[in-house]
């Protein structure tokens, strides 16, 4: 039934009009809509491989925090990393 949400999003119709055209119950559609929108896609990480080699700068702070950044890392990013640690 999730495909109905996706089809409704691109249809430009109101929820009620879409339900009437698709011949599905309005309350069922609302239930599905709430379930669909309240459960976002799970978060995850994607490993990015650099296309070119570059220099990595490694930081080991006195409090034990350790991180590595590329040599062209901006000062703003470095400041935020230090604040987090």
PDB file of N, CA and C in Angstrom:
ATOM      1  N   UNK A   1       0.809  -1.213   0.000  1.00  0.00           N
ATOM      2  CA  UNK A   1       0.000   0.000   0.000  1.00  0.00           C
ATOM      3  C   UNK A   1       0.849   1.274   0.000  1.00  0.00           C
ATOM      4  N   UNK A   2       2.129   1.174   0.333  1.00  0.00           N
ATOM      5  CA  UNK A   2       2.961   2.377   0.353  1.00  0.00           C
ATOM      6  C   UNK A   2       3.034   3.035  -1.019  1.00  0.00           C
ATOM      7  N   UNK A   3       2.855   2.267  -2.068  1.00  0.00           N
ATOM      8  CA  UNK A   3       2.894   2.861  -3.411  1.00  0.00           C
ATOM      9  C   UNK A   3       1.773   3.877  -3.594  1.00  0.00           C
ATOM     10  N   UNK A   4       0.668   3.726  -2.844  1.00  0.00           N
ATOM     11  CA  UNK A   4      -0.416   4.704  -2.940  1.00  0.00           C
ATOM     12  C   UNK A   4       0.047   6.071  -2.439  1.00  0.00           C
ATOM     13  N   UNK A   5       0.848   6.085  -1.377  1.00  0.00           N
ATOM     14  CA  UNK A   5       1.368   7.367  -0.864  1.00  0.00           C
ATOM     15  C   UNK A   5       2.240   8.019  -1.930  1.00  0.00           C
ATOM     16  N   UNK A   6       3.123   7.240  -2.520  1.00  0.00           N
ATOM     17  CA  UNK A   6       4.015   7.781  -3.555  1.00  0.00           C
ATOM     18  C   UNK A   6       3.230   8.273  -4.764  1.00  0.00           C
ATOM     19  N   UNK A   7       2.219   7.523  -5.164  1.00  0.00           N
ATOM     20  CA  UNK A   7       1.392   7.947  -6.299  1.00  0.00           C
ATOM     21  C   UNK A   7       0.594   9.199  -5.962  1.00  0.00           C
ATOM     22  N   UNK A   8       0.088   9.276  -4.720  1.00  0.00           N
ATOM     23  CA  UNK A   8      -0.656  10.466  -4.313  1.00  0.00           C
ATOM     24  C   UNK A   8       0.248  11.696  -4.323  1.00  0.00           C
ATOM     25  N   UNK A   9       1.495  11.547  -3.854  1.00  0.00           N
ATOM     26  CA  UNK A   9       2.413  12.687  -3.800  1.00  0.00           C
ATOM     27  C   UNK A   9       2.637  13.311  -5.172  1.00  0.00           C
ATOM     28  N   UNK A  10       2.716  12.503  -6.195  1.00  0.00           N
ATOM     29  CA  UNK A  10       2.963  13.037  -7.543  1.00  0.00           C
ATOM     30  C   UNK A  10       1.686  13.379  -8.290  1.00  0.00           C
ATOM     31  N   UNK A  11       0.538  12.965  -7.742  1.00  0.00           N
ATOM     32  CA  UNK A  11      -0.730  13.181  -8.448  1.00  0.00           C
ATOM     33  C   UNK A  11      -1.206  14.630  -8.419  1.00  0.00           C
ATOM     34  N   UNK A  12      -0.873  15.359  -7.359  1.00  0.00           N
ATOM     35  CA  UNK A  12      -1.370  16.725  -7.231  1.00  0.00           C
ATOM     36  C   UNK A  12      -2.793  16.787  -6.690  1.00  0.00           C
ATOM     37  N   UNK A  13      -3.374  15.641  -6.384  1.00  0.00           N
ATOM     38  CA  UNK A  13      -4.745  15.591  -5.863  1.00  0.00           C
ATOM     39  C   UNK A  13      -4.755  15.725  -4.343  1.00  0.00           C
ATOM     40  N   UNK A  14      -5.910  16.073  -3.825  1.00  0.00           N
ATOM     41  CA  UNK A  14      -6.069  16.025  -2.373  1.00  0.00           C
ATOM     42  C   UNK A  14      -6.110  14.556  -1.973  1.00  0.00           C
ATOM     43  N   UNK A  15      -5.922  14.291  -0.690  1.00  0.00           N
ATOM     44  CA  UNK A  15      -5.981  12.907  -0.217  1.00  0.00           C
ATOM     45  C   UNK A  15      -7.345  12.289  -0.520  1.00  0.00           C
ATOM     46  N   UNK A  16      -8.388  13.050  -0.251  1.00  0.00           N
ATOM     47  CA  UNK A  16      -9.742  12.539  -0.475  1.00  0.00           C
ATOM     48  C   UNK A  16      -9.979  12.235  -1.954  1.00  0.00           C
ATOM     49  N   UNK A  17      -9.555  13.122  -2.836  1.00  0.00           N
ATOM     50  CA  UNK A  17      -9.752  12.905  -4.274  1.00  0.00           C
ATOM     51  C   UNK A  17      -8.951  11.695  -4.756  1.00  0.00           C
ATOM     52  N   UNK A  18      -7.727  11.555  -4.256  1.00  0.00           N
ATOM     53  CA  UNK A  18      -6.923  10.393  -4.654  1.00  0.00           C
ATOM     54  C   UNK A  18      -7.593   9.096  -4.217  1.00  0.00           C
ATOM     55  N   UNK A  19      -8.073   9.065  -2.973  1.00  0.00           N
ATOM     56  CA  UNK A  19      -8.736   7.860  -2.454  1.00  0.00           C
ATOM     57  C   UNK A  19      -9.954   7.495  -3.287  1.00  0.00           C
ATOM     58  N   UNK A  20     -10.710   8.506  -3.684  1.00  0.00           N
ATOM     59  CA  UNK A  20     -11.899   8.248  -4.502  1.00  0.00           C
ATOM     60  C   UNK A  20     -11.497   7.664  -5.853  1.00  0.00           C
ATOM     61  N   UNK A  21     -10.488   8.260  -6.489  1.00  0.00           N
ATOM     62  CA  UNK A  21     -10.027   7.774  -7.798  1.00  0.00           C
ATOM     63  C   UNK A  21      -9.414   6.375  -7.701  1.00  0.00           C
ATOM     64  N   UNK A  22      -8.685   6.104  -6.622  1.00  0.00           N
ATOM     65  CA  UNK A  22      -8.016   4.811  -6.459  1.00  0.00           C
ATOM     66  C   UNK A  22      -8.925   3.757  -5.844  1.00  0.00           C
ATOM     67  N   UNK A  23     -10.113   4.210  -5.438  1.00  0.00           N
ATOM     68  CA  UNK A  23     -11.100   3.317  -4.819  1.00  0.00           C
ATOM     69  C   UNK A  23     -10.545   2.635  -3.566  1.00  0.00           C
ATOM     70  N   UNK A  24      -9.941   3.464  -2.710  1.00  0.00           N
ATOM     71  CA  UNK A  24      -9.471   2.963  -1.413  1.00  0.00           C
ATOM     72  C   UNK A  24     -10.109   3.810  -0.321  1.00  0.00           C
ATOM     73  N   UNK A  25     -10.232   3.253   0.859  1.00  0.00           N
ATOM     74  CA  UNK A  25     -10.853   3.961   1.973  1.00  0.00           C
ATOM     75  C   UNK A  25     -10.011   5.140   2.444  1.00  0.00           C
ATOM     76  N   UNK A  26     -10.664   6.264   2.694  1.00  0.00           N
ATOM     77  CA  UNK A  26      -9.972   7.469   3.126  1.00  0.00           C
ATOM     78  C   UNK A  26      -9.285   7.264   4.472  1.00  0.00           C
ATOM     79  N   UNK A  27      -9.984   6.633   5.417  1.00  0.00           N
ATOM     80  CA  UNK A  27      -9.388   6.418   6.746  1.00  0.00           C
ATOM     81  C   UNK A  27      -8.210   5.453   6.666  1.00  0.00           C
ATOM     82  N   UNK A  28      -8.307   4.454   5.830  1.00  0.00           N
ATOM     83  CA  UNK A  28      -7.185   3.525   5.631  1.00  0.00           C
ATOM     84  C   UNK A  28      -5.987   4.264   5.049  1.00  0.00           C
ATOM     85  N   UNK A  29      -6.265   5.155   4.096  1.00  0.00           N
ATOM     86  CA  UNK A  29      -5.193   5.941   3.489  1.00  0.00           C
ATOM     87  C   UNK A  29      -4.538   6.839   4.521  1.00  0.00           C
ATOM     88  N   UNK A  30      -5.323   7.495   5.373  1.00  0.00           N
ATOM     89  CA  UNK A  30      -4.755   8.367   6.408  1.00  0.00           C
ATOM     90  C   UNK A  30      -3.890   7.574   7.378  1.00  0.00           C
ATOM     91  N   UNK A  31      -4.357   6.385   7.766  1.00  0.00           N
ATOM     92  CA  UNK A  31      -3.563   5.526   8.638  1.00  0.00           C
ATOM     93  C   UNK A  31      -2.227   5.192   7.976  1.00  0.00           C
ATOM     94  N   UNK A  32      -2.294   4.815   6.715  1.00  0.00           N
ATOM     95  CA  UNK A  32      -1.090   4.485   5.966  1.00  0.00           C
ATOM     96  C   UNK A  32      -0.169   5.701   5.848  1.00  0.00           C
ATOM     97  N   UNK A  33      -0.748   6.851   5.590  1.00  0.00           N
ATOM     98  CA  UNK A  33       0.026   8.086   5.455  1.00  0.00           C
ATOM     99  C   UNK A  33       0.789   8.397   6.740  1.00  0.00           C
ATOM    100  N   UNK A  34       0.124   8.264   7.880  1.00  0.00           N
ATOM    101  CA  UNK A  34       0.780   8.534   9.163  1.00  0.00           C
ATOM    102  C   UNK A  34       1.898   7.526   9.400  1.00  0.00           C
ATOM    103  N   UNK A  35       1.652   6.259   9.126  1.00  0.00           N
ATOM    104  CA  UNK A  35       2.696   5.239   9.290  1.00  0.00           C
ATOM    105  C   UNK A  35       3.870   5.507   8.362  1.00  0.00           C
ATOM    106  N   UNK A  36       3.583   5.854   7.133  1.00  0.00           N
ATOM    107  CA  UNK A  36       4.615   6.070   6.123  1.00  0.00           C
ATOM    108  C   UNK A  36       5.483   7.276   6.460  1.00  0.00           C
ATOM    109  N   UNK A  37       4.869   8.340   6.930  1.00  0.00           N
ATOM    110  CA  UNK A  37       5.622   9.570   7.186  1.00  0.00           C
ATOM    111  C   UNK A  37       6.257   9.606   8.573  1.00  0.00           C
ATOM    112  N   UNK A  38       5.832   8.746   9.489  1.00  0.00           N
ATOM    113  CA  UNK A  38       6.411   8.781  10.832  1.00  0.00           C
ATOM    114  C   UNK A  38       7.585   7.827  10.986  1.00  0.00           C
ATOM    115  N   UNK A  39       7.861   7.020   9.975  1.00  0.00           N
ATOM    116  CA  UNK A  39       8.989   6.091  10.025  1.00  0.00           C
ATOM    117  C   UNK A  39       9.952   6.421   8.895  1.00  0.00           C
ATOM    118  N   UNK A  40      10.872   7.356   9.162  1.00  0.00           N
ATOM    119  CA  UNK A  40      11.811   7.728   8.099  1.00  0.00           C
ATOM    120  C   UNK A  40      12.759   6.572   7.771  1.00  0.00           C
ATOM    121  N   UNK A  41      13.408   6.699   6.651  1.00  0.00           N
ATOM    122  CA  UNK A  41      14.384   5.699   6.242  1.00  0.00           C
ATOM    123  C   UNK A  41      15.456   5.579   7.319  1.00  0.00           C
ATOM    124  N   UNK A  42      15.934   4.379   7.576  1.00  0.00           N
ATOM    125  CA  UNK A  42      16.974   4.221   8.590  1.00  0.00           C
ATOM    126  C   UNK A  42      18.246   4.955   8.194  1.00  0.00           C
ATOM    127  N   UNK A  43      18.878   5.541   9.190  1.00  0.00           N
ATOM    128  CA  UNK A  43      20.121   6.267   8.948  1.00  0.00           C
ATOM    129  C   UNK A  43      21.246   5.264   8.726  1.00  0.00           C
ATOM    130  N   UNK A  44      22.251   5.683   8.040  1.00  0.00           N
ATOM    131  CA  UNK A  44      23.381   4.806   7.811  1.00  0.00           C
ATOM    132  C   UNK A  44      24.579   5.595   7.340  1.00  0.00           C
ATOM    133  N   UNK A  45      25.620   4.897   7.076  1.00  0.00           N
ATOM    134  CA  UNK A  45      26.845   5.521   6.619  1.00  0.00           C
ATOM    135  C   UNK A  45      27.208   4.964   5.256  1.00  0.00           C
ATOM    136  N   UNK A  46      27.815   5.796   4.442  1.00  0.00           N
ATOM    137  CA  UNK A  46      28.307   5.374   3.151  1.00  0.00           C
ATOM    138  C   UNK A  46      29.794   5.651   3.111  1.00  0.00           C
ATOM    139  N   UNK A  47      30.564   4.627   2.818  1.00  0.00           N
ATOM    140  CA  UNK A  47      32.002   4.784   2.724  1.00  0.00           C
ATOM    141  C   UNK A  47      32.333   5.479   1.411  1.00  0.00           C
ATOM    142  N   UNK A  48      33.019   6.592   1.490  1.00  0.00           N
ATOM    143  CA  UNK A  48      33.420   7.340   0.305  1.00  0.00           C
ATOM    144  C   UNK A  48      34.898   7.114   0.065  1.00  0.00           C
ATOM    145  N   UNK A  49      35.218   6.636  -1.092  1.00  0.00           N
ATOM    146  CA  UNK A  49      36.606   6.411  -1.460  1.00  0.00           C
ATOM    147  C   UNK A  49      37.098   7.616  -2.263  1.00  0.00           C
ATOM    148  N   UNK A  50      38.211   8.216  -1.856  1.00  0.00           N
ATOM    149  CA  UNK A  50      38.729   9.366  -2.611  1.00  0.00           C
ATOM    150  C   UNK A  50      39.230   8.929  -3.984  1.00  0.00           C
ATOM    151  N   UNK A  51      39.035   9.800  -4.964  1.00  0.00           N
ATOM    152  CA  UNK A  51      39.499   9.512  -6.319  1.00  0.00           C
ATOM    153  C   UNK A  51      40.990   9.795  -6.457  1.00  0.00           C
ATOM    154  N   UNK A  52      41.479  10.705  -5.648  1.00  0.00           N
ATOM    155  CA  UNK A  52      42.897  11.037  -5.680  1.00  0.00           C
ATOM    156  C   UNK A  52      43.450  10.896  -4.270  1.00  0.00           C
ATOM    157  N   UNK A  53      44.732  10.629  -4.177  1.00  0.00           N
ATOM    158  CA  UNK A  53      45.320  10.529  -2.846  1.00  0.00           C
ATOM    159  C   UNK A  53      45.501  11.930  -2.277  1.00  0.00           C
ATOM    160  N   UNK A  54      45.382  12.026  -0.976  1.00  0.00           N
ATOM    161  CA  UNK A  54      45.578  13.306  -0.321  1.00  0.00           C
ATOM    162  C   UNK A  54      46.144  13.062   1.070  1.00  0.00           C
ATOM    163  N   UNK A  55      46.635  14.121   1.664  1.00  0.00           N
ATOM    164  CA  UNK A  55      47.267  14.034   2.973  1.00  0.00           C
ATOM    165  C   UNK A  55      46.196  14.092   4.054  1.00  0.00           C
ATOM    166  N   UNK A  56      46.341  13.222   5.030  1.00  0.00           N
ATOM    167  CA  UNK A  56      45.431  13.202   6.175  1.00  0.00           C
ATOM    168  C   UNK A  56      46.152  13.806   7.370  1.00  0.00           C
ATOM    169  N   UNK A  57      45.465  14.698   8.055  1.00  0.00           N
ATOM    170  CA  UNK A  57      45.991  15.280   9.294  1.00  0.00           C
ATOM    171  C   UNK A  57      45.274  14.598  10.448  1.00  0.00           C
ATOM    172  N   UNK A  58      46.036  14.060  11.393  1.00  0.00           N
ATOM    173  CA  UNK A  58      45.464  13.348  12.528  1.00  0.00           C
ATOM    174  C   UNK A  58      45.606  14.199  13.782  1.00  0.00           C
ATOM    175  N   UNK A  59      44.513  14.261  14.549  1.00  0.00           N
ATOM    176  CA  UNK A  59      44.487  15.017  15.798  1.00  0.00           C
ATOM    177  C   UNK A  59      44.225  14.059  16.952  1.00  0.00           C
ATOM    178  N   UNK A  60      44.991  14.214  18.002  1.00  0.00           N
ATOM    179  CA  UNK A  60      44.760  13.463  19.232  1.00  0.00           C
ATOM    180  C   UNK A  60      44.762  14.492  20.358  1.00  0.00           C
ATOM    181  N   UNK A  61      43.573  14.781  20.873  1.00  0.00           N
ATOM    182  CA  UNK A  61      43.422  15.825  21.881  1.00  0.00           C
ATOM    183  C   UNK A  61      43.735  15.283  23.277  1.00  0.00           C
ATOM    184  N   UNK A  62      44.092  16.172  24.222  1.00  0.00           N
ATOM    185  CA  UNK A  62      44.430  15.739  25.582  1.00  0.00           C
ATOM    186  C   UNK A  62      43.322  14.949  26.288  1.00  0.00           C
ATOM    187  N   UNK A  63      42.062  15.195  25.904  1.00  0.00           N
ATOM    188  CA  UNK A  63      40.959  14.489  26.561  1.00  0.00           C
ATOM    189  C   UNK A  63      40.730  13.089  25.985  1.00  0.00           C
ATOM    190  N   UNK A  64      41.566  12.675  25.031  1.00  0.00           N
ATOM    191  CA  UNK A  64      41.454  11.346  24.462  1.00  0.00           C
ATOM    192  C   UNK A  64      40.725  11.296  23.134  1.00  0.00           C
ATOM    193  N   UNK A  65      40.140  12.387  22.735  1.00  0.00           N
ATOM    194  CA  UNK A  65      39.426  12.430  21.453  1.00  0.00           C
ATOM    195  C   UNK A  65      40.441  12.357  20.318  1.00  0.00           C
ATOM    196  N   UNK A  66      40.100  11.591  19.291  1.00  0.00           N
ATOM    197  CA  UNK A  66      41.001  11.369  18.172  1.00  0.00           C
ATOM    198  C   UNK A  66      40.208  11.453  16.870  1.00  0.00           C
ATOM    199  N   UNK A  67      40.683  12.207  15.902  1.00  0.00           N
ATOM    200  CA  UNK A  67      40.027  12.272  14.600  1.00  0.00           C
ATOM    201  C   UNK A  67      41.041  12.598  13.519  1.00  0.00           C
ATOM    202  N   UNK A  68      40.680  12.267  12.287  1.00  0.00           N
ATOM    203  CA  UNK A  68      41.522  12.529  11.128  1.00  0.00           C
ATOM    204  C   UNK A  68      40.722  13.310  10.103  1.00  0.00           C
ATOM    205  N   UNK A  69      41.375  14.249   9.456  1.00  0.00           N
ATOM    206  CA  UNK A  69      40.719  15.065   8.437  1.00  0.00           C
ATOM    207  C   UNK A  69      41.665  15.239   7.250  1.00  0.00           C
ATOM    208  N   UNK A  70      41.121  15.519   6.065  1.00  0.00           N
ATOM    209  CA  UNK A  70      42.005  15.796   4.931  1.00  0.00           C
ATOM    210  C   UNK A  70      42.698  17.142   5.107  1.00  0.00           C
ATOM    211  N   UNK A  71      43.806  17.311   4.457  1.00  0.00           N
ATOM    212  CA  UNK A  71      44.602  18.530   4.615  1.00  0.00           C
ATOM    213  C   UNK A  71      43.843  19.793   4.213  1.00  0.00           C
ATOM    214  N   UNK A  72      42.869  19.678   3.331  1.00  0.00           N
ATOM    215  CA  UNK A  72      42.111  20.857   2.880  1.00  0.00           C
ATOM    216  C   UNK A  72      40.834  21.070   3.688  1.00  0.00           C
ATOM    217  N   UNK A  73      40.754  20.460   4.868  1.00  0.00           N
ATOM    218  CA  UNK A  73      39.584  20.606   5.731  1.00  0.00           C
ATOM    219  C   UNK A  73      39.453  22.070   6.177  1.00  0.00           C
ATOM    220  N   UNK A  74      38.243  22.574   6.185  1.00  0.00           N
ATOM    221  CA  UNK A  74      38.040  23.973   6.547  1.00  0.00           C
ATOM    222  C   UNK A  74      38.213  24.189   8.043  1.00  0.00           C
ATOM    223  N   UNK A  75      38.559  25.398   8.401  1.00  0.00           N
ATOM    224  CA  UNK A  75      38.741  25.759   9.798  1.00  0.00           C
ATOM    225  C   UNK A  75      37.436  25.617  10.576  1.00  0.00           C
ATOM    226  N   UNK A  76      36.326  25.896   9.942  1.00  0.00           N
ATOM    227  CA  UNK A  76      35.013  25.792  10.605  1.00  0.00           C
ATOM    228  C   UNK A  76      34.749  24.329  11.013  1.00  0.00           C
ATOM    229  N   UNK A  77      35.051  23.397  10.122  1.00  0.00           N
ATOM    230  CA  UNK A  77      34.847  21.981  10.439  1.00  0.00           C
ATOM    231  C   UNK A  77      35.753  21.576  11.592  1.00  0.00           C
ATOM    232  N   UNK A  78      37.010  22.009  11.569  1.00  0.00           N
ATOM    233  CA  UNK A  78      37.930  21.694  12.665  1.00  0.00           C
ATOM    234  C   UNK A  78      37.430  22.247  13.991  1.00  0.00           C
ATOM    235  N   UNK A  79      36.939  23.474  13.986  1.00  0.00           N
ATOM    236  CA  UNK A  79      36.409  24.072  15.209  1.00  0.00           C
ATOM    237  C   UNK A  79      35.230  23.268  15.751  1.00  0.00           C
ATOM    238  N   UNK A  80      34.351  22.834  14.858  1.00  0.00           N
ATOM    239  CA  UNK A  80      33.185  22.045  15.296  1.00  0.00           C
ATOM    240  C   UNK A  80      33.612  20.694  15.857  1.00  0.00           C
ATOM    241  N   UNK A  81      34.597  20.065  15.232  1.00  0.00           N
ATOM    242  CA  UNK A  81      35.099  18.789  15.743  1.00  0.00           C
ATOM    243  C   UNK A  81      35.688  18.950  17.141  1.00  0.00           C
ATOM    244  N   UNK A  82      36.459  19.994  17.344  1.00  0.00           N
ATOM    245  CA  UNK A  82      37.051  20.241  18.657  1.00  0.00           C
ATOM    246  C   UNK A  82      35.974  20.537  19.686  1.00  0.00           C
ATOM    247  N   UNK A  83      34.922  21.271  19.312  1.00  0.00           N
ATOM    248  CA  UNK A  83      33.828  21.567  20.234  1.00  0.00           C
ATOM    249  C   UNK A  83      33.103  20.309  20.655  1.00  0.00           C
ATOM    250  N   UNK A  84      32.914  19.367  19.719  1.00  0.00           N
ATOM    251  CA  UNK A  84      32.235  18.123  20.027  1.00  0.00           C
ATOM    252  C   UNK A  84      33.036  17.304  21.026  1.00  0.00           C
ATOM    253  N   UNK A  85      34.345  17.333  20.858  1.00  0.00           N
ATOM    254  CA  UNK A  85      35.214  16.566  21.767  1.00  0.00           C
ATOM    255  C   UNK A  85      35.308  17.308  23.076  1.00  0.00           C
TER     256      UNK A  85
END
